N, C-alpha and C. Protein backbone atom coordinates (compact mmCIF):
# COMPACT_ATOMS: atom_id res chain seq x y z
N UNK A 1 0.76 -1.40 0.10
CA UNK A 1 0.12 0.10 0.05
C UNK A 1 1.11 1.45 0.06
N UNK A 2 1.84 1.31 0.75
CA UNK A 2 2.80 2.46 0.83
C UNK A 2 3.49 2.59 -0.38
N UNK A 3 3.66 1.51 -1.17
CA UNK A 3 4.51 1.59 -2.45
C UNK A 3 3.68 2.38 -3.30
N UNK A 4 2.17 1.91 -3.38
CA UNK A 4 1.28 2.67 -4.29
C UNK A 4 1.01 3.90 -3.94
N UNK A 5 1.18 4.30 -2.74
CA UNK A 5 1.00 5.69 -2.41
C UNK A 5 2.40 6.47 -3.01
N UNK A 6 3.28 5.74 -2.76
CA UNK A 6 4.66 6.81 -3.15
C UNK A 6 4.69 6.93 -4.44
N UNK A 7 3.88 6.00 -5.35
CA UNK A 7 3.78 6.30 -6.83
C UNK A 7 2.90 7.37 -7.05
N UNK A 8 1.42 7.08 -6.42
CA UNK A 8 0.57 7.98 -6.98
C UNK A 8 0.66 9.37 -6.40
N UNK A 9 1.05 9.65 -5.19
CA UNK A 9 1.31 10.78 -4.73
C UNK A 9 2.09 11.90 -5.70
N UNK A 10 3.18 11.50 -6.02
CA UNK A 10 3.93 12.25 -6.96
C UNK A 10 3.21 12.73 -8.29
N UNK A 11 2.45 11.77 -8.57
CA UNK A 11 1.66 12.06 -9.83
C UNK A 11 0.54 13.06 -9.87
N UNK A 12 -0.10 12.57 -8.67
CA UNK A 12 -1.39 13.79 -8.09
C UNK A 12 -0.55 15.28 -8.09
N UNK A 13 0.51 15.12 -7.42
CA UNK A 13 1.24 16.49 -7.01
C UNK A 13 1.61 17.16 -8.35
N UNK A 14 1.94 16.31 -9.21
CA UNK A 14 2.39 17.07 -10.67
C UNK A 14 1.28 17.42 -11.22
N UNK A 15 0.19 16.67 -11.33
CA UNK A 15 -1.01 17.22 -11.96
C UNK A 15 -1.67 18.41 -11.15
N UNK A 16 -1.41 18.60 -9.86
CA UNK A 16 -2.02 19.67 -9.13
C UNK A 16 -1.11 20.92 -9.63
N UNK A 17 0.41 20.46 -9.66
CA UNK A 17 1.06 21.97 -10.00
C UNK A 17 1.00 22.50 -11.59
N UNK A 18 0.83 21.51 -12.30
CA UNK A 18 0.69 21.66 -13.75
C UNK A 18 -0.90 22.64 -13.94
N UNK A 19 -1.79 22.02 -13.31
CA UNK A 19 -3.10 22.82 -13.32
C UNK A 19 -3.03 24.17 -12.68
N UNK A 20 -2.29 24.51 -11.64
CA UNK A 20 -1.99 25.73 -11.14
C UNK A 20 -1.30 26.50 -11.98
N UNK A 21 -0.17 25.91 -12.75
CA UNK A 21 0.68 26.84 -13.72
C UNK A 21 -0.32 27.39 -14.78
N UNK A 22 -1.20 26.33 -15.09
CA UNK A 22 -1.92 26.71 -16.40
C UNK A 22 -3.08 27.64 -15.69
N UNK A 23 -3.28 27.83 -14.72
CA UNK A 23 -4.14 28.97 -14.12
C UNK A 23 -3.41 30.23 -14.20
N UNK A 24 -2.18 29.85 -13.53
CA UNK A 24 -1.27 31.00 -13.41
C UNK A 24 -1.12 31.78 -14.65
N UNK A 25 -0.86 31.12 -15.80
CA UNK A 25 -0.64 31.73 -17.15
C UNK A 25 -1.88 32.50 -17.82
N UNK A 26 -3.28 32.28 -17.13
CA UNK A 26 -4.17 32.77 -17.76
C UNK A 26 -4.35 34.36 -17.42
N UNK A 27 -4.69 35.11 -18.30
CA UNK A 27 -4.63 36.47 -18.18
C UNK A 27 -6.20 36.87 -18.33
N UNK A 28 -7.14 37.09 -17.44
CA UNK A 28 -8.33 37.11 -17.36
C UNK A 28 -8.95 38.76 -17.24
N UNK A 29 -9.69 38.96 -18.17
CA UNK A 29 -10.36 40.42 -18.05
C UNK A 29 -12.02 40.28 -17.67
N UNK A 30 -12.43 41.33 -17.45
CA UNK A 30 -14.00 41.15 -17.29
C UNK A 30 -14.64 42.54 -17.99
N UNK A 31 -15.92 42.04 -18.24
CA UNK A 31 -16.96 43.23 -18.62
C UNK A 31 -18.33 42.73 -18.09
N UNK A 32 -18.89 44.08 -18.12
CA UNK A 32 -20.40 43.99 -17.69
C UNK A 32 -21.15 44.07 -19.10
N UNK A 33 -21.79 42.80 -19.38
CA UNK A 33 -22.54 42.82 -20.67
C UNK A 33 -23.81 43.57 -20.79
N UNK A 34 -24.40 43.88 -19.52
CA UNK A 34 -25.63 44.60 -19.32
C UNK A 34 -25.49 46.07 -19.83
N UNK A 35 -24.27 46.54 -19.10
CA UNK A 35 -23.96 48.06 -19.28
C UNK A 35 -23.53 47.99 -20.75
N UNK A 36 -22.71 47.03 -21.03
CA UNK A 36 -22.42 47.35 -22.75
C UNK A 36 -23.66 47.18 -23.72
N UNK A 37 -24.56 46.44 -23.46
CA UNK A 37 -25.92 46.12 -24.12
C UNK A 37 -26.84 47.42 -23.86
N UNK A 38 -26.87 47.98 -22.72
CA UNK A 38 -27.89 48.96 -22.56
C UNK A 38 -27.31 50.30 -22.97
N UNK A 39 -25.93 50.52 -23.11
CA UNK A 39 -25.05 51.70 -23.42
C UNK A 39 -24.85 52.00 -24.82
N UNK A 40 -24.84 50.71 -25.65
CA UNK A 40 -24.55 50.59 -27.12
C UNK A 40 -25.62 51.62 -27.86
N UNK A 41 -25.25 52.32 -28.58
CA UNK A 41 -26.16 53.11 -29.39
C UNK A 41 -27.01 52.58 -30.23
N UNK A 42 -26.66 51.25 -30.87
CA UNK A 42 -27.63 50.39 -31.56
C UNK A 42 -28.63 49.77 -30.83
N UNK A 43 -28.49 49.77 -29.51
CA UNK A 43 -29.83 49.11 -28.71
C UNK A 43 -30.70 50.19 -28.60
N UNK A 44 -30.33 51.58 -28.57
CA UNK A 44 -31.39 52.61 -28.34
C UNK A 44 -32.00 52.86 -29.78
N UNK A 45 -31.32 52.45 -30.76
CA UNK A 45 -31.73 52.73 -32.31
C UNK A 45 -32.84 51.63 -32.39
N UNK A 46 -32.40 50.24 -31.94
CA UNK A 46 -33.45 49.14 -32.33
C UNK A 46 -34.46 49.32 -31.31
N UNK A 47 -34.53 49.98 -29.94
CA UNK A 47 -35.63 50.27 -29.13
C UNK A 47 -36.55 51.27 -30.07
N UNK A 48 -36.02 52.44 -30.89
CA UNK A 48 -36.86 53.17 -31.31
C UNK A 48 -37.45 52.56 -32.44
N UNK A 49 -36.69 51.77 -33.41
CA UNK A 49 -37.33 50.82 -34.35
C UNK A 49 -38.51 50.19 -34.16
N UNK A 50 -38.44 49.42 -32.72
CA UNK A 50 -39.34 48.83 -32.27
C UNK A 50 -40.49 49.47 -31.78
N UNK A 51 -40.45 50.72 -31.23
CA UNK A 51 -41.36 51.53 -30.96
C UNK A 51 -42.20 52.08 -31.99
N UNK A 52 -41.77 52.27 -33.04
CA UNK A 52 -42.24 52.90 -34.28
C UNK A 52 -43.06 51.70 -34.87
N UNK A 53 -42.60 50.73 -34.82
CA UNK A 53 -43.39 49.26 -35.36
C UNK A 53 -44.49 49.22 -34.51
N UNK A 54 -44.33 49.41 -33.20
CA UNK A 54 -45.46 48.79 -32.24
C UNK A 54 -46.57 49.85 -32.49
N UNK A 55 -46.17 51.25 -32.70
CA UNK A 55 -47.19 52.46 -32.93
C UNK A 55 -47.80 52.26 -34.06
N UNK A 56 -47.20 51.68 -35.19
CA UNK A 56 -48.09 51.24 -36.29
C UNK A 56 -49.07 50.11 -36.21
N UNK A 57 -48.64 49.15 -35.62
CA UNK A 57 -49.60 47.96 -35.23
C UNK A 57 -50.70 48.29 -34.34
N UNK A 58 -50.43 49.21 -33.49
CA UNK A 58 -51.43 49.59 -32.35
C UNK A 58 -52.50 50.33 -33.51
N UNK A 59 -51.89 51.45 -34.27
CA UNK A 59 -52.88 52.20 -35.03
C UNK A 59 -53.78 51.42 -35.91
N UNK A 60 -53.18 50.35 -36.53
CA UNK A 60 -53.90 49.32 -37.21
C UNK A 60 -55.11 48.63 -36.60
N UNK A 61 -54.57 48.30 -35.38
CA UNK A 61 -55.50 47.51 -34.47
C UNK A 61 -56.45 48.41 -34.11
N UNK A 62 -56.37 49.68 -33.77
CA UNK A 62 -57.44 50.68 -33.11
C UNK A 62 -58.39 50.86 -34.33
N UNK A 63 -57.92 50.87 -35.76
CA UNK A 63 -58.87 51.11 -36.87
C UNK A 63 -59.78 50.15 -36.88
N UNK A 64 -59.09 48.52 -36.75
CA UNK A 64 -60.06 47.40 -36.78
C UNK A 64 -61.30 47.39 -35.57
N UNK A 65 -60.83 47.84 -34.38
CA UNK A 65 -61.62 47.90 -33.45
C UNK A 65 -62.75 49.02 -33.69
N UNK A 66 -62.22 50.03 -34.11
CA UNK A 66 -63.40 51.40 -34.24
C UNK A 66 -64.32 50.75 -35.19
N UNK A 67 -63.91 50.01 -36.57
CA UNK A 67 -64.81 49.45 -37.33
C UNK A 67 -65.70 48.45 -36.87
N UNK A 68 -65.33 47.49 -35.96
CA UNK A 68 -66.12 46.62 -35.20
C UNK A 68 -67.23 47.21 -34.47
N UNK A 69 -66.53 48.45 -33.83
CA UNK A 69 -67.63 49.17 -32.93
C UNK A 69 -68.73 49.69 -33.81
N UNK A 70 -68.46 50.10 -35.04
CA UNK A 70 -69.58 50.81 -36.05
C UNK A 70 -70.39 49.54 -36.36
N UNK A 71 -69.96 48.68 -36.75
CA UNK A 71 -70.85 47.36 -37.16
C UNK A 71 -71.58 46.89 -36.04
N UNK A 72 -71.26 47.05 -34.70
CA UNK A 72 -71.93 46.71 -33.80
C UNK A 72 -72.99 47.68 -33.50
N UNK A 73 -72.89 48.74 -33.75
CA UNK A 73 -73.89 49.92 -33.75
C UNK A 73 -75.06 49.64 -34.81
N UNK A 74 -74.40 49.42 -36.01
CA UNK A 74 -75.12 49.14 -37.17
C UNK A 74 -76.12 47.82 -36.85
N UNK A 75 -75.64 46.74 -36.22
CA UNK A 75 -76.19 45.58 -35.94
C UNK A 75 -77.38 45.82 -35.00
N UNK A 76 -77.21 46.58 -34.00
CA UNK A 76 -78.24 46.97 -33.04
C UNK A 76 -79.51 47.83 -33.72
N UNK A 77 -79.08 48.54 -34.63
CA UNK A 77 -80.07 49.29 -35.45
C UNK A 77 -80.94 48.33 -36.03
N UNK A 78 -80.15 47.40 -37.10
CA UNK A 78 -80.84 46.67 -37.66
C UNK A 78 -81.97 45.70 -36.75
N UNK A 79 -81.64 45.32 -35.62
CA UNK A 79 -82.51 44.48 -34.84
C UNK A 79 -83.34 45.38 -34.43
N UNK A 80 -83.55 46.70 -33.81
CA UNK A 80 -84.60 47.47 -33.62
C UNK A 80 -85.46 47.62 -34.91
N UNK A 81 -84.90 47.73 -36.11
CA UNK A 81 -85.72 47.87 -37.26
C UNK A 81 -86.64 46.93 -37.53
N UNK A 82 -86.06 45.64 -37.22
CA UNK A 82 -86.68 44.51 -37.39
C UNK A 82 -87.83 44.00 -36.33
N UNK A 83 -87.70 45.04 -35.30
CA UNK A 83 -88.50 44.47 -34.27
C UNK A 83 -89.89 45.94 -34.43
N UNK A 84 -89.71 46.56 -35.51
CA UNK A 84 -90.84 47.38 -35.68
C UNK A 84 -92.03 46.75 -36.09
N UNK A 85 -93.20 46.95 -35.38
CA UNK A 85 -94.62 46.30 -35.86
C UNK A 85 -95.17 47.12 -36.80
N UNK A 86 -94.74 48.29 -37.17
CA UNK A 86 -95.46 49.06 -37.97
C UNK A 86 -95.25 48.60 -39.62
N UNK A 87 -94.47 47.86 -39.63
CA UNK A 87 -94.16 47.28 -41.18
C UNK A 87 -94.47 45.93 -41.30
N UNK A 88 -94.57 45.54 -42.42
CA UNK A 88 -95.12 44.34 -43.03
C UNK A 88 -94.13 43.15 -42.39
N UNK A 89 -94.78 41.91 -42.12
CA UNK A 89 -94.05 40.87 -41.89
C UNK A 89 -92.92 40.54 -42.77
N UNK A 90 -93.07 40.60 -44.23
CA UNK A 90 -91.98 40.53 -44.96
C UNK A 90 -90.54 41.34 -44.84
N UNK A 91 -91.14 42.51 -44.50
CA UNK A 91 -90.38 43.66 -44.55
C UNK A 91 -89.32 43.42 -43.15
N UNK A 92 -90.05 42.95 -41.89
CA UNK A 92 -89.33 42.57 -40.88
C UNK A 92 -88.22 41.20 -40.91
N UNK A 93 -88.84 40.27 -41.73
CA UNK A 93 -87.86 39.02 -42.22
C UNK A 93 -86.85 39.64 -42.78
N UNK A 94 -86.95 40.62 -43.81
CA UNK A 94 -85.72 40.99 -44.52
C UNK A 94 -84.69 41.86 -43.51
N UNK A 95 -85.27 42.57 -42.58
CA UNK A 95 -84.46 43.33 -41.66
C UNK A 95 -83.73 42.25 -40.87
N UNK A 96 -84.49 41.14 -40.32
CA UNK A 96 -83.83 40.05 -39.49
C UNK A 96 -82.72 39.40 -40.24
N UNK A 97 -82.80 39.19 -41.53
CA UNK A 97 -81.99 38.75 -42.44
C UNK A 97 -80.64 39.68 -42.48
N UNK A 98 -81.12 40.74 -42.68
CA UNK A 98 -79.81 41.93 -42.75
C UNK A 98 -79.15 41.81 -41.39
N UNK A 99 -79.83 41.78 -40.43
CA UNK A 99 -79.09 41.78 -38.95
C UNK A 99 -78.40 40.63 -38.80
N UNK A 100 -79.00 39.32 -39.26
CA UNK A 100 -78.04 38.33 -39.09
C UNK A 100 -76.92 38.31 -40.09
N UNK A 101 -76.71 38.73 -41.07
CA UNK A 101 -75.89 38.84 -41.95
C UNK A 101 -74.82 39.88 -41.25
N UNK A 102 -75.21 40.97 -40.58
CA UNK A 102 -74.38 41.93 -40.03
C UNK A 102 -73.56 41.18 -39.00
N UNK A 103 -74.15 40.35 -38.39
CA UNK A 103 -74.15 39.74 -36.86
C UNK A 103 -72.72 38.70 -37.21
N UNK A 104 -72.87 38.12 -38.67
CA UNK A 104 -71.89 37.06 -39.09
C UNK A 104 -70.57 37.83 -39.35
N UNK A 105 -70.65 39.18 -39.87
CA UNK A 105 -69.79 40.11 -40.17
C UNK A 105 -68.99 40.21 -39.07
N UNK A 106 -69.87 40.52 -38.10
CA UNK A 106 -69.09 41.06 -36.59
C UNK A 106 -68.22 39.87 -36.01
N UNK A 107 -68.81 38.52 -36.33
CA UNK A 107 -67.87 37.43 -35.72
C UNK A 107 -66.88 37.23 -36.51
N UNK A 108 -66.80 37.36 -37.89
CA UNK A 108 -65.39 37.35 -38.90
C UNK A 108 -64.68 38.27 -38.25
N UNK A 109 -65.22 39.52 -38.05
CA UNK A 109 -64.11 40.81 -37.56
C UNK A 109 -63.54 40.57 -36.49
N UNK A 110 -64.30 39.79 -35.44
CA UNK A 110 -63.66 39.70 -34.25
C UNK A 110 -62.49 38.50 -34.20
N UNK A 111 -62.71 37.50 -35.08
CA UNK A 111 -61.76 36.60 -35.42
C UNK A 111 -60.62 37.06 -36.01
N UNK A 112 -60.81 38.03 -37.07
CA UNK A 112 -59.67 38.57 -37.86
C UNK A 112 -59.03 39.39 -36.71
N UNK A 113 -59.47 40.16 -35.76
CA UNK A 113 -58.95 40.88 -35.04
C UNK A 113 -57.89 40.08 -33.92
N UNK A 114 -58.59 39.24 -33.48
CA UNK A 114 -57.83 38.27 -32.59
C UNK A 114 -56.46 37.78 -33.25
N UNK A 115 -56.61 37.39 -34.69
CA UNK A 115 -55.52 36.81 -35.45
C UNK A 115 -54.35 37.94 -35.49
N UNK A 116 -54.88 39.04 -35.66
CA UNK A 116 -54.00 40.09 -36.13
C UNK A 116 -53.30 40.73 -34.90
N UNK A 117 -53.95 40.54 -33.80
CA UNK A 117 -53.17 40.78 -32.46
C UNK A 117 -52.19 39.89 -32.19
N UNK A 118 -52.57 38.66 -32.46
CA UNK A 118 -51.54 37.44 -32.29
C UNK A 118 -50.19 37.62 -32.96
N UNK A 119 -50.55 37.81 -34.29
CA UNK A 119 -49.55 38.01 -35.39
C UNK A 119 -48.72 39.12 -35.04
N UNK A 120 -49.32 40.25 -34.58
CA UNK A 120 -48.56 41.43 -34.39
C UNK A 120 -47.40 41.22 -33.19
N UNK A 121 -48.12 40.34 -31.94
CA UNK A 121 -47.07 40.23 -30.98
C UNK A 121 -46.07 39.37 -31.34
N UNK A 122 -46.38 38.46 -32.27
CA UNK A 122 -45.38 37.61 -32.69
C UNK A 122 -44.22 38.36 -33.63
N UNK A 123 -44.69 39.15 -34.68
CA UNK A 123 -43.97 40.21 -35.25
C UNK A 123 -42.96 40.77 -34.34
N UNK A 124 -43.46 41.54 -33.36
CA UNK A 124 -42.66 42.28 -32.47
C UNK A 124 -41.52 41.38 -31.67
N UNK A 125 -42.14 40.20 -31.31
CA UNK A 125 -41.14 39.20 -30.50
C UNK A 125 -40.45 38.92 -31.29
N UNK A 126 -40.26 38.43 -32.50
CA UNK A 126 -39.35 37.97 -33.61
C UNK A 126 -38.17 39.34 -33.70
N UNK A 127 -38.76 40.27 -34.12
CA UNK A 127 -37.96 41.62 -34.53
C UNK A 127 -37.17 41.79 -33.22
N UNK A 128 -37.52 41.70 -31.97
CA UNK A 128 -37.02 42.01 -30.73
C UNK A 128 -35.80 41.04 -30.63
N UNK A 129 -36.09 39.56 -30.89
CA UNK A 129 -34.99 38.56 -30.81
C UNK A 129 -33.99 38.88 -31.76
N UNK A 130 -34.29 39.03 -32.92
CA UNK A 130 -33.37 39.25 -34.01
C UNK A 130 -32.42 40.33 -33.60
N UNK A 131 -33.02 41.74 -33.35
CA UNK A 131 -32.19 42.77 -33.14
C UNK A 131 -31.37 42.69 -31.80
N UNK A 132 -31.83 41.80 -30.74
CA UNK A 132 -30.98 41.56 -29.74
C UNK A 132 -29.77 40.46 -30.16
N UNK A 133 -29.92 39.37 -30.79
CA UNK A 133 -28.99 38.67 -31.12
C UNK A 133 -28.09 39.38 -32.00
N UNK A 134 -28.43 40.08 -32.70
CA UNK A 134 -27.65 40.91 -33.84
C UNK A 134 -26.42 41.83 -32.93
N UNK A 135 -27.17 42.46 -31.95
CA UNK A 135 -26.49 43.51 -31.02
C UNK A 135 -25.48 42.65 -30.30
N UNK A 136 -25.85 41.75 -29.68
CA UNK A 136 -25.04 40.69 -28.77
C UNK A 136 -23.85 40.31 -29.50
N UNK A 137 -24.01 39.91 -30.85
CA UNK A 137 -22.92 39.37 -31.71
C UNK A 137 -21.88 40.51 -31.95
N UNK A 138 -22.50 41.71 -32.15
CA UNK A 138 -21.43 42.82 -32.29
C UNK A 138 -20.74 43.22 -31.38
N UNK A 139 -21.23 42.97 -29.57
CA UNK A 139 -20.65 43.60 -28.80
C UNK A 139 -19.62 42.31 -28.40
N UNK A 140 -19.99 41.05 -28.49
CA UNK A 140 -19.06 40.01 -28.28
C UNK A 140 -17.78 40.32 -29.25
N UNK A 141 -17.95 40.56 -30.48
CA UNK A 141 -16.98 40.74 -31.42
C UNK A 141 -16.06 41.94 -30.80
N UNK A 142 -16.50 42.62 -30.61
CA UNK A 142 -15.93 44.02 -29.97
C UNK A 142 -15.17 43.58 -28.79
N UNK A 143 -15.71 42.80 -27.87
CA UNK A 143 -14.90 42.50 -26.65
C UNK A 143 -13.83 41.45 -26.94
N UNK A 144 -14.16 40.67 -27.90
CA UNK A 144 -12.80 39.82 -28.37
C UNK A 144 -11.79 40.47 -29.08
N UNK A 145 -12.07 41.44 -29.77
CA UNK A 145 -10.96 42.15 -30.29
C UNK A 145 -10.06 42.88 -29.39
N UNK A 146 -10.91 43.69 -28.50
CA UNK A 146 -10.05 44.30 -27.44
C UNK A 146 -9.21 43.38 -26.57
N UNK A 147 -9.82 42.33 -26.34
CA UNK A 147 -9.19 41.46 -25.33
C UNK A 147 -8.04 40.70 -25.94
N UNK A 148 -8.10 40.49 -27.43
CA UNK A 148 -6.74 39.92 -28.05
C UNK A 148 -5.84 40.90 -28.37
N UNK A 149 -6.25 42.01 -28.50
CA UNK A 149 -5.03 43.12 -28.62
C UNK A 149 -4.61 43.42 -27.14
N UNK A 150 -5.02 43.22 -26.18
CA UNK A 150 -4.27 43.36 -24.90
C UNK A 150 -3.83 42.05 -24.44
N UNK A 151 -3.89 41.05 -25.09
CA UNK A 151 -3.16 39.80 -24.35
C UNK A 151 -3.94 39.13 -23.42
N UNK A 152 -5.29 39.19 -23.52
CA UNK A 152 -6.02 38.53 -22.38
C UNK A 152 -6.42 37.11 -23.01
N UNK A 153 -6.58 36.29 -22.32
CA UNK A 153 -6.87 34.83 -22.74
C UNK A 153 -8.15 34.52 -22.24
N UNK A 154 -9.09 35.27 -21.49
CA UNK A 154 -10.44 34.91 -21.21
C UNK A 154 -10.93 36.15 -20.63
N UNK A 155 -12.21 36.32 -21.12
CA UNK A 155 -13.08 37.51 -20.50
C UNK A 155 -14.22 36.71 -19.91
N UNK A 156 -14.64 37.44 -18.79
CA UNK A 156 -15.56 37.09 -17.92
C UNK A 156 -16.74 38.12 -17.74
N UNK A 157 -17.99 37.60 -18.03
CA UNK A 157 -19.39 38.74 -17.88
C UNK A 157 -19.59 38.77 -16.27
N UNK A 158 -19.36 39.80 -15.84
CA UNK A 158 -19.46 40.02 -14.42
C UNK A 158 -21.09 40.50 -14.11
N UNK A 159 -21.99 40.26 -15.17
CA UNK A 159 -23.28 40.71 -15.00
C UNK A 159 -23.83 39.30 -15.01
N UNK A 160 -23.29 38.23 -15.26
CA UNK A 160 -23.95 36.91 -15.60
C UNK A 160 -24.36 36.30 -14.33
N UNK A 161 -25.49 35.61 -14.05
CA UNK A 161 -25.77 34.82 -13.06
C UNK A 161 -26.31 33.29 -13.56
N UNK A 162 -25.92 32.47 -12.43
CA UNK A 162 -26.10 31.06 -12.68
C UNK A 162 -27.56 30.54 -12.59
N UNK A 163 -27.78 29.42 -12.75
CA UNK A 163 -29.05 28.67 -12.79
C UNK A 163 -29.75 28.87 -11.28
N UNK A 164 -28.84 29.41 -10.38
CA UNK A 164 -29.58 29.73 -9.04
C UNK A 164 -29.96 30.97 -8.79
N UNK A 165 -29.69 31.80 -9.95
CA UNK A 165 -29.74 33.40 -9.89
C UNK A 165 -28.82 33.95 -8.73
N UNK A 166 -27.65 33.36 -8.74
CA UNK A 166 -26.67 34.01 -7.95
C UNK A 166 -25.68 34.32 -8.72
N UNK A 167 -24.75 35.46 -8.72
CA UNK A 167 -23.57 35.80 -9.42
C UNK A 167 -22.54 34.79 -9.70
N UNK A 168 -22.31 34.74 -11.05
CA UNK A 168 -21.18 34.10 -11.31
C UNK A 168 -19.72 34.41 -10.78
N UNK A 169 -19.47 35.47 -11.11
CA UNK A 169 -18.48 36.37 -10.44
C UNK A 169 -18.64 36.86 -9.15
N UNK A 170 -17.97 36.31 -8.21
CA UNK A 170 -18.30 36.78 -6.71
C UNK A 170 -17.40 37.94 -6.33
N UNK A 171 -16.34 38.05 -6.90
CA UNK A 171 -15.48 38.98 -6.65
C UNK A 171 -14.44 39.43 -7.86
N UNK A 172 -14.23 40.65 -8.07
CA UNK A 172 -13.09 41.37 -8.97
C UNK A 172 -12.92 42.81 -8.58
N UNK A 173 -11.47 42.92 -8.48
CA UNK A 173 -11.33 44.29 -8.11
C UNK A 173 -11.11 45.33 -9.33
N UNK A 174 -11.89 44.83 -10.58
CA UNK A 174 -12.18 45.66 -11.55
C UNK A 174 -10.81 46.29 -12.28
N UNK A 175 -9.71 45.93 -11.99
CA UNK A 175 -8.31 46.66 -12.56
C UNK A 175 -8.45 46.06 -14.16
N UNK A 176 -8.78 44.74 -14.24
CA UNK A 176 -8.88 44.35 -15.71
C UNK A 176 -10.23 44.61 -16.48
N UNK A 177 -11.07 45.29 -16.04
CA UNK A 177 -12.40 45.54 -16.40
C UNK A 177 -12.41 46.52 -17.95
N UNK A 178 -12.87 45.85 -18.96
CA UNK A 178 -12.88 46.46 -20.31
C UNK A 178 -14.20 47.15 -20.81
N UNK A 179 -15.11 47.01 -19.70
CA UNK A 179 -16.43 47.56 -20.06
C UNK A 179 -16.32 49.13 -20.58
N UNK A 180 -15.64 49.96 -19.83
CA UNK A 180 -15.45 51.34 -20.56
C UNK A 180 -14.96 51.46 -21.82
N UNK A 181 -13.84 50.75 -22.10
CA UNK A 181 -12.98 50.74 -23.28
C UNK A 181 -13.80 50.51 -24.42
N UNK A 182 -14.57 49.05 -24.03
CA UNK A 182 -15.39 48.63 -25.31
C UNK A 182 -16.52 49.52 -25.69
N UNK A 183 -17.25 49.98 -24.62
CA UNK A 183 -18.18 50.71 -24.98
C UNK A 183 -17.75 51.99 -25.60
N UNK A 184 -16.79 52.74 -25.40
CA UNK A 184 -16.41 53.68 -26.09
C UNK A 184 -15.92 53.41 -27.47
N UNK A 185 -15.48 52.29 -27.83
CA UNK A 185 -15.38 51.90 -29.05
C UNK A 185 -16.61 51.31 -29.83
N UNK A 186 -17.41 50.80 -29.27
CA UNK A 186 -18.79 50.58 -29.85
C UNK A 186 -19.57 51.72 -30.30
N UNK A 187 -19.36 53.01 -29.58
CA UNK A 187 -20.01 54.26 -29.57
C UNK A 187 -19.28 55.38 -30.37
N UNK A 188 -18.12 54.98 -30.84
CA UNK A 188 -17.51 55.60 -31.66
C UNK A 188 -18.12 56.26 -33.02
N UNK A 189 -19.05 55.40 -33.53
CA UNK A 189 -19.56 55.70 -34.80
C UNK A 189 -21.09 55.76 -34.59
N UNK A 190 -21.44 56.21 -33.59
CA UNK A 190 -23.00 56.43 -33.20
C UNK A 190 -23.23 57.83 -34.08
N UNK A 191 -24.66 57.80 -34.62
CA UNK A 191 -25.12 59.09 -35.11
C UNK A 191 -25.14 60.13 -34.08
N UNK A 192 -24.76 61.49 -34.81
CA UNK A 192 -24.78 62.67 -34.01
C UNK A 192 -26.21 63.05 -33.53
N UNK A 193 -27.10 62.72 -34.17
CA UNK A 193 -28.48 63.14 -33.80
C UNK A 193 -29.15 62.17 -33.06
N UNK A 194 -28.47 60.94 -32.39
CA UNK A 194 -29.11 59.61 -31.86
C UNK A 194 -29.55 60.26 -30.45
N UNK A 195 -28.76 60.95 -29.68
CA UNK A 195 -29.33 61.53 -28.46
C UNK A 195 -30.37 62.22 -28.42
N UNK A 196 -30.68 62.86 -29.56
CA UNK A 196 -32.00 63.63 -29.62
C UNK A 196 -33.39 62.66 -29.64
N UNK A 197 -33.15 61.44 -29.77
CA UNK A 197 -34.24 60.58 -29.81
C UNK A 197 -34.81 60.38 -28.49
N UNK A 198 -36.12 60.55 -28.38
CA UNK A 198 -36.77 60.11 -27.29
C UNK A 198 -36.94 58.81 -27.11
N UNK A 199 -36.66 58.19 -26.29
CA UNK A 199 -36.75 56.76 -25.82
C UNK A 199 -37.54 56.53 -24.73
N UNK A 200 -37.92 57.37 -24.06
CA UNK A 200 -38.64 57.31 -22.59
C UNK A 200 -39.94 56.47 -22.64
N UNK A 201 -40.30 56.47 -23.81
CA UNK A 201 -41.73 55.53 -23.83
C UNK A 201 -41.39 54.20 -24.66
N UNK A 202 -40.16 53.59 -24.97
CA UNK A 202 -39.86 52.93 -25.86
C UNK A 202 -39.82 51.43 -25.10
N UNK A 203 -40.55 50.31 -25.38
CA UNK A 203 -40.46 49.09 -24.48
C UNK A 203 -38.83 48.51 -24.74
N UNK A 204 -38.17 48.40 -23.68
CA UNK A 204 -36.78 48.25 -23.78
C UNK A 204 -36.54 46.77 -24.17
N UNK A 205 -35.41 46.85 -24.99
CA UNK A 205 -34.97 45.22 -25.30
C UNK A 205 -34.18 44.84 -24.16
N UNK A 206 -34.24 43.53 -23.74
CA UNK A 206 -33.68 42.87 -22.71
C UNK A 206 -32.49 42.03 -23.30
N UNK A 207 -31.43 41.68 -22.24
CA UNK A 207 -30.55 40.95 -22.41
C UNK A 207 -30.38 39.80 -21.11
N UNK A 208 -30.44 38.54 -21.64
CA UNK A 208 -30.44 37.68 -20.73
C UNK A 208 -29.07 36.98 -20.62
N UNK A 209 -28.38 37.15 -19.44
CA UNK A 209 -27.02 36.78 -19.27
C UNK A 209 -27.10 35.66 -18.18
N UNK A 210 -28.36 34.84 -17.80
CA UNK A 210 -28.31 33.67 -17.10
C UNK A 210 -27.52 32.43 -18.01
N UNK A 211 -27.14 31.46 -17.19
CA UNK A 211 -26.64 30.26 -17.72
C UNK A 211 -27.77 29.42 -17.87
N UNK A 212 -27.88 28.55 -18.93
CA UNK A 212 -29.07 27.58 -19.13
C UNK A 212 -29.16 26.43 -18.08
């Protein structure tokens, strides 16, 4: 047994030292992906575009709802007219049929509105996801370029949480944080008039940094 331990212990020690040496050679930087995402000018631009699209869809939806309200009012008039005892039975039957036809139109309109609203939500959701994915790709590329130029072997996201919703990075002294430098690089090409855009009512894009 002692002989086995004499053989195994040096091997384990060597592996431990090798592992420690490998970590010692790592040059690690940090970034706050949430700050990069929120501060990137293209995120604000995307939020504005999404808001404009949402306004268009809301306007179209309100038009459908206004027409539906008018049809309902017309339907009620037809019902009232069909109940008029001063007219002939044949005329009442005609008005009842007209009311029935209008009612069928209303039901079709209601179905169409529900389908439109569902499709509108799906469209906005897909557009949001597409813009978010493109923006994160650009940010990741900028981080990689900056890290490689500075000789870092790894970059860790300090905004990331694990599956238990606890921070992945528990401590950093911030000395190797690249957030400000990367954000300045990303925003170097921002349009001059972008800051004039009012995004206070814009539904914000979100970035998920949690691990799966």
